[in-house]
All heavy atoms as atom14 arrays in JSON, in Angstrom:
{
  "sequence": "TTSGGEVSVSSGGMIYLAAGGVYHVSPNFDVQAAFGYHIDQV",
  "atom14_mask": [
    [1, 1, 1, 1, 1, 1, 1, 0, 0, 0, 0, 0, 0, 0],
    [1, 1, 1, 1, 1, 1, 1, 0, 0, 0, 0, 0, 0, 0],
    [1, 1, 1, 1, 1, 1, 0, 0, 0, 0, 0, 0, 0, 0],
    [1, 1, 1, 1, 0, 0, 0, 0, 0, 0, 0, 0, 0, 0],
    [1, 1, 1, 1, 0, 0, 0, 0, 0, 0, 0, 0, 0, 0],
    [1, 1, 1, 1, 1, 1, 1, 1, 1, 0, 0, 0, 0, 0],
    [1, 1, 1, 1, 1, 1, 1, 0, 0, 0, 0, 0, 0, 0],
    [1, 1, 1, 1, 1, 1, 0, 0, 0, 0, 0, 0, 0, 0],
    [1, 1, 1, 1, 1, 1, 1, 0, 0, 0, 0, 0, 0, 0],
    [1, 1, 1, 1, 1, 1, 0, 0, 0, 0, 0, 0, 0, 0],
    [1, 1, 1, 1, 1, 1, 0, 0, 0, 0, 0, 0, 0, 0],
    [1, 1, 1, 1, 0, 0, 0, 0, 0, 0, 0, 0, 0, 0],
    [1, 1, 1, 1, 0, 0, 0, 0, 0, 0, 0, 0, 0, 0],
    [1, 1, 1, 1, 1, 1, 1, 1, 0, 0, 0, 0, 0, 0],
    [1, 1, 1, 1, 1, 1, 1, 1, 0, 0, 0, 0, 0, 0],
    [1, 1, 1, 1, 1, 1, 1, 1, 1, 1, 1, 1, 0, 0],
    [1, 1, 1, 1, 1, 1, 1, 1, 0, 0, 0, 0, 0, 0],
    [1, 1, 1, 1, 1, 0, 0, 0, 0, 0, 0, 0, 0, 0],
    [1, 1, 1, 1, 1, 0, 0, 0, 0, 0, 0, 0, 0, 0],
    [1, 1, 1, 1, 0, 0, 0, 0, 0, 0, 0, 0, 0, 0],
    [1, 1, 1, 1, 0, 0, 0, 0, 0, 0, 0, 0, 0, 0],
    [1, 1, 1, 1, 1, 1, 1, 0, 0, 0, 0, 0, 0, 0],
    [1, 1, 1, 1, 1, 1, 1, 1, 1, 1, 1, 1, 0, 0],
    [1, 1, 1, 1, 1, 1, 1, 1, 1, 1, 0, 0, 0, 0],
    [1, 1, 1, 1, 1, 1, 1, 0, 0, 0, 0, 0, 0, 0],
    [1, 1, 1, 1, 1, 1, 0, 0, 0, 0, 0, 0, 0, 0],
    [1, 1, 1, 1, 1, 1, 1, 0, 0, 0, 0, 0, 0, 0],
    [1, 1, 1, 1, 1, 1, 1, 1, 0, 0, 0, 0, 0, 0],
    [1, 1, 1, 1, 1, 1, 1, 1, 1, 1, 1, 0, 0, 0],
    [1, 1, 1, 1, 1, 1, 1, 1, 0, 0, 0, 0, 0, 0],
    [1, 1, 1, 1, 1, 1, 1, 0, 0, 0, 0, 0, 0, 0],
    [1, 1, 1, 1, 1, 1, 1, 1, 1, 0, 0, 0, 0, 0],
    [1, 1, 1, 1, 1, 0, 0, 0, 0, 0, 0, 0, 0, 0],
    [1, 1, 1, 1, 1, 0, 0, 0, 0, 0, 0, 0, 0, 0],
    [1, 1, 1, 1, 1, 1, 1, 1, 1, 1, 1, 0, 0, 0],
    [1, 1, 1, 1, 0, 0, 0, 0, 0, 0, 0, 0, 0, 0],
    [1, 1, 1, 1, 1, 1, 1, 1, 1, 1, 1, 1, 0, 0],
    [1, 1, 1, 1, 1, 1, 1, 1, 1, 1, 0, 0, 0, 0],
    [1, 1, 1, 1, 1, 1, 1, 1, 0, 0, 0, 0, 0, 0],
    [1, 1, 1, 1, 1, 1, 1, 1, 0, 0, 0, 0, 0, 0],
    [1, 1, 1, 1, 1, 1, 1, 1, 1, 0, 0, 0, 0, 0],
    [1, 1, 1, 1, 1, 1, 1, 0, 0, 0, 0, 0, 0, 0]
  ],
  "atom14_positions": [
    [[54.56, -41.33, -35.06], [54.7, -40.79, -33.73], [53.35, -40.24, -33.28], [52.63, -39.62, -34.08], [55.76, -39.66, -33.69], [56.99, -40.17, -34.2], [55.96, -39.17, -32.26], [0.0, 0.0, 0.0], [0.0, 0.0, 0.0], [0.0, 0.0, 0.0], [0.0, 0.0, 0.0], [0.0, 0.0, 0.0], [0.0, 0.0, 0.0], [0.0, 0.0, 0.0]],
    [[52.98, -40.48, -32.04], [51.72, -39.95, -31.53], [51.77, -38.42, -31.51], [52.84, -37.81, -31.55], [51.45, -40.47, -30.11], [52.56, -40.14, -29.26], [51.26, -41.98, -30.13], [0.0, 0.0, 0.0], [0.0, 0.0, 0.0], [0.0, 0.0, 0.0], [0.0, 0.0, 0.0], [0.0, 0.0, 0.0], [0.0, 0.0, 0.0], [0.0, 0.0, 0.0]],
    [[50.58, -37.82, -31.44], [50.49, -36.36, -31.54], [51.32, -35.66, -30.48], [51.88, -34.59, -30.73], [49.01, -35.93, -31.43], [48.46, -36.42, -30.21], [0.0, 0.0, 0.0], [0.0, 0.0, 0.0], [0.0, 0.0, 0.0], [0.0, 0.0, 0.0], [0.0, 0.0, 0.0], [0.0, 0.0, 0.0], [0.0, 0.0, 0.0], [0.0, 0.0, 0.0]],
    [[51.42, -36.26, -29.3], [52.22, -35.64, -28.25], [53.69, -35.95, -28.36], [54.51, -35.36, -27.66], [0.0, 0.0, 0.0], [0.0, 0.0, 0.0], [0.0, 0.0, 0.0], [0.0, 0.0, 0.0], [0.0, 0.0, 0.0], [0.0, 0.0, 0.0], [0.0, 0.0, 0.0], [0.0, 0.0, 0.0], [0.0, 0.0, 0.0], [0.0, 0.0, 0.0]],
    [[54.03, -36.89, -29.24], [55.42, -37.25, -29.44], [55.99, -38.2, -28.4], [57.18, -38.49, -28.42], [0.0, 0.0, 0.0], [0.0, 0.0, 0.0], [0.0, 0.0, 0.0], [0.0, 0.0, 0.0], [0.0, 0.0, 0.0], [0.0, 0.0, 0.0], [0.0, 0.0, 0.0], [0.0, 0.0, 0.0], [0.0, 0.0, 0.0], [0.0, 0.0, 0.0]],
    [[55.12, -38.71, -27.51], [55.63, -39.58, -26.44], [55.92, -41.0, -26.93], [56.84, -41.66, -26.45], [54.63, -39.66, -25.28], [54.37, -38.34, -24.58], [53.21, -37.58, -25.21], [52.68, -38.06, -26.24], [52.85, -36.51, -24.69], [0.0, 0.0, 0.0], [0.0, 0.0, 0.0], [0.0, 0.0, 0.0], [0.0, 0.0, 0.0], [0.0, 0.0, 0.0]],
    [[55.12, -41.52, -27.86], [55.23, -42.9, -28.31], [55.36, -42.94, -29.82], [54.72, -42.16, -30.53], [53.99, -43.73, -27.88], [54.16, -45.19, -28.28], [53.76, -43.62, -26.38], [0.0, 0.0, 0.0], [0.0, 0.0, 0.0], [0.0, 0.0, 0.0], [0.0, 0.0, 0.0], [0.0, 0.0, 0.0], [0.0, 0.0, 0.0], [0.0, 0.0, 0.0]],
    [[56.19, -43.85, -30.32], [56.38, -43.96, -31.76], [56.49, -45.42, -32.17], [56.75, -46.29, -31.35], [57.63, -43.2, -32.2], [58.78, -43.79, -31.62], [0.0, 0.0, 0.0], [0.0, 0.0, 0.0], [0.0, 0.0, 0.0], [0.0, 0.0, 0.0], [0.0, 0.0, 0.0], [0.0, 0.0, 0.0], [0.0, 0.0, 0.0], [0.0, 0.0, 0.0]],
    [[56.25, -45.67, -33.45], [56.5, -46.98, -34.06], [57.77, -46.84, -34.87], [57.87, -45.96, -35.74], [55.33, -47.41, -34.96], [55.66, -48.73, -35.64], [54.05, -47.51, -34.17], [0.0, 0.0, 0.0], [0.0, 0.0, 0.0], [0.0, 0.0, 0.0], [0.0, 0.0, 0.0], [0.0, 0.0, 0.0], [0.0, 0.0, 0.0], [0.0, 0.0, 0.0]],
    [[58.75, -47.68, -34.6], [60.04, -47.56, -35.29], [60.34, -48.81, -36.1], [59.79, -49.89, -35.84], [61.17, -47.29, -34.3], [61.47, -48.46, -33.56], [0.0, 0.0, 0.0], [0.0, 0.0, 0.0], [0.0, 0.0, 0.0], [0.0, 0.0, 0.0], [0.0, 0.0, 0.0], [0.0, 0.0, 0.0], [0.0, 0.0, 0.0], [0.0, 0.0, 0.0]],
    [[61.24, -48.67, -37.06], [61.63, -49.8, -37.91], [62.65, -50.7, -37.23], [63.06, -51.7, -37.81], [62.2, -49.27, -39.23], [63.28, -48.38, -38.99], [0.0, 0.0, 0.0], [0.0, 0.0, 0.0], [0.0, 0.0, 0.0], [0.0, 0.0, 0.0], [0.0, 0.0, 0.0], [0.0, 0.0, 0.0], [0.0, 0.0, 0.0], [0.0, 0.0, 0.0]],
    [[63.03, -50.37, -35.98], [63.97, -51.21, -35.25], [63.42, -51.77, -33.95], [64.1, -52.51, -33.26], [0.0, 0.0, 0.0], [0.0, 0.0, 0.0], [0.0, 0.0, 0.0], [0.0, 0.0, 0.0], [0.0, 0.0, 0.0], [0.0, 0.0, 0.0], [0.0, 0.0, 0.0], [0.0, 0.0, 0.0], [0.0, 0.0, 0.0], [0.0, 0.0, 0.0]],
    [[62.17, -51.4, -33.61], [61.58, -51.88, -32.36], [60.67, -53.08, -32.61], [60.41, -53.44, -33.75], [0.0, 0.0, 0.0], [0.0, 0.0, 0.0], [0.0, 0.0, 0.0], [0.0, 0.0, 0.0], [0.0, 0.0, 0.0], [0.0, 0.0, 0.0], [0.0, 0.0, 0.0], [0.0, 0.0, 0.0], [0.0, 0.0, 0.0], [0.0, 0.0, 0.0]],
    [[60.11, -53.7, -31.62], [60.42, -53.5, -30.21], [60.39, -54.84, -29.49], [61.25, -55.12, -28.69], [59.4, -52.55, -29.58], [59.58, -52.33, -28.1], [58.3, -51.25, -27.44], [59.05, -50.91, -25.86], [0.0, 0.0, 0.0], [0.0, 0.0, 0.0], [0.0, 0.0, 0.0], [0.0, 0.0, 0.0], [0.0, 0.0, 0.0], [0.0, 0.0, 0.0]],
    [[59.4, -55.68, -29.8], [59.3, -57.0, -29.17], [59.88, -58.05, -30.11], [59.46, -58.18, -31.26], [57.84, -57.37, -28.84], [57.21, -56.3, -27.95], [57.78, -58.74, -28.16], [57.91, -56.11, -26.63], [0.0, 0.0, 0.0], [0.0, 0.0, 0.0], [0.0, 0.0, 0.0], [0.0, 0.0, 0.0], [0.0, 0.0, 0.0], [0.0, 0.0, 0.0]],
    [[60.84, -58.81, -29.6], [61.56, -59.83, -30.38], [61.29, -61.19, -29.76], [61.49, -61.39, -28.55], [63.05, -59.5, -30.35], [63.98, -60.57, -30.89], [64.51, -60.49, -32.18], [64.35, -61.66, -30.09], [65.38, -61.45, -32.66], [65.22, -62.62, -30.57], [65.72, -62.52, -31.85], [66.58, -63.49, -32.31], [0.0, 0.0, 0.0], [0.0, 0.0, 0.0]],
    [[60.81, -62.15, -30.58], [60.55, -63.51, -30.13], [61.16, -64.48, -31.13], [61.03, -64.28, -32.35], [59.05, -63.78, -30.02], [58.24, -62.87, -29.08], [56.75, -63.09, -29.28], [58.63, -63.1, -27.63], [0.0, 0.0, 0.0], [0.0, 0.0, 0.0], [0.0, 0.0, 0.0], [0.0, 0.0, 0.0], [0.0, 0.0, 0.0], [0.0, 0.0, 0.0]],
    [[61.81, -65.54, -30.64], [62.47, -66.48, -31.55], [62.46, -67.88, -30.96], [62.47, -68.07, -29.74], [63.91, -66.04, -31.83], [0.0, 0.0, 0.0], [0.0, 0.0, 0.0], [0.0, 0.0, 0.0], [0.0, 0.0, 0.0], [0.0, 0.0, 0.0], [0.0, 0.0, 0.0], [0.0, 0.0, 0.0], [0.0, 0.0, 0.0], [0.0, 0.0, 0.0]],
    [[62.45, -68.87, -31.86], [62.55, -70.28, -31.47], [63.38, -71.0, -32.52], [63.36, -70.63, -33.7], [61.17, -70.91, -31.34], [0.0, 0.0, 0.0], [0.0, 0.0, 0.0], [0.0, 0.0, 0.0], [0.0, 0.0, 0.0], [0.0, 0.0, 0.0], [0.0, 0.0, 0.0], [0.0, 0.0, 0.0], [0.0, 0.0, 0.0], [0.0, 0.0, 0.0]],
    [[64.11, -72.01, -32.09], [64.94, -72.73, -33.05], [65.76, -73.81, -32.39], [65.34, -74.41, -31.39], [0.0, 0.0, 0.0], [0.0, 0.0, 0.0], [0.0, 0.0, 0.0], [0.0, 0.0, 0.0], [0.0, 0.0, 0.0], [0.0, 0.0, 0.0], [0.0, 0.0, 0.0], [0.0, 0.0, 0.0], [0.0, 0.0, 0.0], [0.0, 0.0, 0.0]],
    [[66.94, -74.04, -32.93], [67.81, -75.09, -32.42], [69.25, -74.63, -32.32], [69.68, -73.73, -33.04], [0.0, 0.0, 0.0], [0.0, 0.0, 0.0], [0.0, 0.0, 0.0], [0.0, 0.0, 0.0], [0.0, 0.0, 0.0], [0.0, 0.0, 0.0], [0.0, 0.0, 0.0], [0.0, 0.0, 0.0], [0.0, 0.0, 0.0], [0.0, 0.0, 0.0]],
    [[69.99, -75.27, -31.41], [71.42, -75.01, -31.22], [72.16, -76.33, -31.38], [71.9, -77.29, -30.65], [71.72, -74.43, -29.83], [73.21, -74.13, -29.69], [70.9, -73.17, -29.58], [0.0, 0.0, 0.0], [0.0, 0.0, 0.0], [0.0, 0.0, 0.0], [0.0, 0.0, 0.0], [0.0, 0.0, 0.0], [0.0, 0.0, 0.0], [0.0, 0.0, 0.0]],
    [[73.06, -76.37, -32.35], [73.86, -77.57, -32.58], [75.25, -77.36, -31.98], [75.95, -76.42, -32.33], [73.98, -77.87, -34.07], [74.73, -79.16, -34.37], [74.15, -80.39, -34.09], [76.01, -79.13, -34.9], [74.84, -81.57, -34.34], [76.71, -80.3, -35.16], [76.12, -81.52, -34.87], [76.79, -82.69, -35.11], [0.0, 0.0, 0.0], [0.0, 0.0, 0.0]],
    [[75.63, -78.24, -31.05], [76.93, -78.13, -30.37], [77.97, -78.89, -31.2], [78.11, -80.11, -31.07], [76.83, -78.7, -28.97], [75.78, -78.05, -28.12], [75.88, -76.75, -27.66], [74.58, -78.51, -27.68], [74.81, -76.45, -26.96], [74.0, -77.5, -26.95], [0.0, 0.0, 0.0], [0.0, 0.0, 0.0], [0.0, 0.0, 0.0], [0.0, 0.0, 0.0]],
    [[78.68, -78.15, -32.04], [79.69, -78.77, -32.9], [80.86, -79.28, -32.07], [81.38, -80.38, -32.3], [80.18, -77.75, -33.95], [81.24, -78.37, -34.85], [79.01, -77.24, -34.78], [0.0, 0.0, 0.0], [0.0, 0.0, 0.0], [0.0, 0.0, 0.0], [0.0, 0.0, 0.0], [0.0, 0.0, 0.0], [0.0, 0.0, 0.0], [0.0, 0.0, 0.0]],
    [[81.26, -78.49, -31.07], [82.36, -78.86, -30.18], [82.15, -78.07, -28.88], [81.26, -77.21, -28.81], [83.71, -78.51, -30.8], [83.91, -77.1, -30.81], [0.0, 0.0, 0.0], [0.0, 0.0, 0.0], [0.0, 0.0, 0.0], [0.0, 0.0, 0.0], [0.0, 0.0, 0.0], [0.0, 0.0, 0.0], [0.0, 0.0, 0.0], [0.0, 0.0, 0.0]],
    [[82.93, -78.34, -27.82], [82.76, -77.58, -26.58], [82.92, -76.07, -26.75], [82.42, -75.3, -25.93], [83.85, -78.14, -25.67], [84.07, -79.54, -26.16], [83.89, -79.45, -27.66], [0.0, 0.0, 0.0], [0.0, 0.0, 0.0], [0.0, 0.0, 0.0], [0.0, 0.0, 0.0], [0.0, 0.0, 0.0], [0.0, 0.0, 0.0], [0.0, 0.0, 0.0]],
    [[83.61, -75.65, -27.8], [83.84, -74.21, -28.01], [83.19, -73.66, -29.26], [83.5, -72.54, -29.67], [85.35, -73.94, -28.07], [86.06, -74.2, -26.77], [86.83, -75.14, -26.64], [85.77, -73.39, -25.76], [0.0, 0.0, 0.0], [0.0, 0.0, 0.0], [0.0, 0.0, 0.0], [0.0, 0.0, 0.0], [0.0, 0.0, 0.0], [0.0, 0.0, 0.0]],
    [[82.25, -74.42, -29.85], [81.64, -73.92, -31.09], [80.2, -74.41, -31.19], [79.94, -75.61, -31.18], [82.44, -74.39, -32.3], [81.98, -73.8, -33.61], [82.02, -72.44, -33.82], [81.48, -74.63, -34.61], [81.58, -71.9, -35.03], [81.06, -74.1, -35.82], [81.11, -72.73, -36.03], [0.0, 0.0, 0.0], [0.0, 0.0, 0.0], [0.0, 0.0, 0.0]],
    [[79.25, -73.44, -31.27], [77.84, -73.72, -31.47], [77.38, -73.09, -32.77], [77.91, -72.05, -33.2], [76.98, -73.14, -30.34], [77.17, -73.85, -29.02], [77.76, -74.95, -29.02], [76.73, -73.29, -27.99], [0.0, 0.0, 0.0], [0.0, 0.0, 0.0], [0.0, 0.0, 0.0], [0.0, 0.0, 0.0], [0.0, 0.0, 0.0], [0.0, 0.0, 0.0]],
    [[76.36, -73.69, -33.38], [75.67, -73.09, -34.51], [74.19, -73.02, -34.16], [73.58, -74.04, -33.83], [75.87, -73.89, -35.81], [75.05, -73.26, -36.94], [77.34, -73.92, -36.2], [0.0, 0.0, 0.0], [0.0, 0.0, 0.0], [0.0, 0.0, 0.0], [0.0, 0.0, 0.0], [0.0, 0.0, 0.0], [0.0, 0.0, 0.0], [0.0, 0.0, 0.0]],
    [[73.63, -71.81, -34.21], [72.24, -71.6, -33.81], [71.42, -71.13, -35.01], [71.8, -70.19, -35.7], [72.17, -70.57, -32.69], [70.76, -70.2, -32.24], [70.78, -69.31, -31.02], [71.28, -69.7, -29.95], [70.26, -68.11, -31.15], [0.0, 0.0, 0.0], [0.0, 0.0, 0.0], [0.0, 0.0, 0.0], [0.0, 0.0, 0.0], [0.0, 0.0, 0.0]],
    [[70.27, -71.76, -35.24], [69.34, -71.36, -36.28], [68.0, -71.08, -35.62], [67.55, -71.84, -34.76], [69.2, -72.45, -37.33], [0.0, 0.0, 0.0], [0.0, 0.0, 0.0], [0.0, 0.0, 0.0], [0.0, 0.0, 0.0], [0.0, 0.0, 0.0], [0.0, 0.0, 0.0], [0.0, 0.0, 0.0], [0.0, 0.0, 0.0], [0.0, 0.0, 0.0]],
    [[67.35, -69.98, -36.02], [66.11, -69.59, -35.36], [65.14, -68.95, -36.35], [65.56, -68.36, -37.36], [66.39, -68.62, -34.21], [0.0, 0.0, 0.0], [0.0, 0.0, 0.0], [0.0, 0.0, 0.0], [0.0, 0.0, 0.0], [0.0, 0.0, 0.0], [0.0, 0.0, 0.0], [0.0, 0.0, 0.0], [0.0, 0.0, 0.0], [0.0, 0.0, 0.0]],
    [[63.87, -69.08, -36.04], [62.79, -68.4, -36.75], [62.05, -67.56, -35.74], [61.83, -68.0, -34.6], [61.83, -69.42, -37.39], [60.62, -68.79, -38.02], [60.7, -68.25, -39.29], [59.42, -68.75, -37.34], [59.57, -67.66, -39.87], [58.29, -68.17, -37.91], [58.37, -67.62, -39.19], [0.0, 0.0, 0.0], [0.0, 0.0, 0.0], [0.0, 0.0, 0.0]],
    [[61.66, -66.32, -36.13], [61.05, -65.47, -35.13], [60.1, -64.43, -35.68], [59.84, -64.34, -36.89], [0.0, 0.0, 0.0], [0.0, 0.0, 0.0], [0.0, 0.0, 0.0], [0.0, 0.0, 0.0], [0.0, 0.0, 0.0], [0.0, 0.0, 0.0], [0.0, 0.0, 0.0], [0.0, 0.0, 0.0], [0.0, 0.0, 0.0], [0.0, 0.0, 0.0]],
    [[59.59, -63.64, -34.74], [58.59, -62.6, -35.01], [59.04, -61.33, -34.3], [59.45, -61.38, -33.12], [57.24, -63.07, -34.49], [56.09, -62.11, -34.73], [55.63, -61.85, -36.01], [55.44, -61.49, -33.65], [54.56, -61.0, -36.22], [54.38, -60.64, -33.85], [53.94, -60.39, -35.14], [52.88, -59.54, -35.36], [0.0, 0.0, 0.0], [0.0, 0.0, 0.0]],
    [[58.95, -60.21, -35.01], [59.44, -58.93, -34.49], [58.35, -57.89, -34.75], [57.86, -57.77, -35.88], [60.72, -58.55, -35.24], [61.6, -57.6, -34.48], [62.87, -57.28, -34.89], [61.4, -56.88, -33.34], [63.42, -56.43, -34.05], [62.55, -56.17, -33.1], [0.0, 0.0, 0.0], [0.0, 0.0, 0.0], [0.0, 0.0, 0.0], [0.0, 0.0, 0.0]],
    [[57.95, -57.13, -33.73], [56.86, -56.18, -33.88], [57.07, -54.95, -33.02], [57.6, -55.02, -31.91], [55.5, -56.84, -33.52], [54.35, -55.85, -33.7], [55.52, -57.41, -32.1], [52.97, -56.47, -33.54], [0.0, 0.0, 0.0], [0.0, 0.0, 0.0], [0.0, 0.0, 0.0], [0.0, 0.0, 0.0], [0.0, 0.0, 0.0], [0.0, 0.0, 0.0]],
    [[56.66, -53.81, -33.57], [56.53, -52.58, -32.8], [55.16, -52.01, -33.12], [54.71, -52.06, -34.28], [57.63, -51.57, -33.17], [57.71, -50.42, -32.17], [57.02, -50.5, -31.12], [58.46, -49.46, -32.41], [0.0, 0.0, 0.0], [0.0, 0.0, 0.0], [0.0, 0.0, 0.0], [0.0, 0.0, 0.0], [0.0, 0.0, 0.0], [0.0, 0.0, 0.0]],
    [[54.49, -51.45, -32.12], [53.15, -50.93, -32.35], [52.81, -49.85, -31.34], [53.42, -49.77, -30.27], [52.1, -52.04, -32.3], [51.95, -52.71, -30.95], [50.91, -53.81, -30.95], [50.66, -54.44, -31.98], [50.3, -54.07, -29.81], [0.0, 0.0, 0.0], [0.0, 0.0, 0.0], [0.0, 0.0, 0.0], [0.0, 0.0, 0.0], [0.0, 0.0, 0.0]],
    [[51.82, -49.04, -31.71], [51.29, -48.03, -30.8], [49.78, -48.04, -30.93], [49.23, -48.07, -32.04], [51.88, -46.63, -31.1], [51.6, -46.2, -32.53], [51.36, -45.61, -30.1], [0.0, 0.0, 0.0], [0.0, 0.0, 0.0], [0.0, 0.0, 0.0], [0.0, 0.0, 0.0], [0.0, 0.0, 0.0], [0.0, 0.0, 0.0], [0.0, 0.0, 0.0]]
  ]
}
């Protein structure tokens, strides 16, 4: 957390990016697989 407490780096934040594929098994069922990058910083 910054000295003033305004900004922090957390283990659940913050920018989420993903790419992959979606397989349409049927009109009511999809299976999605993805690879991605997740980062938080200050």
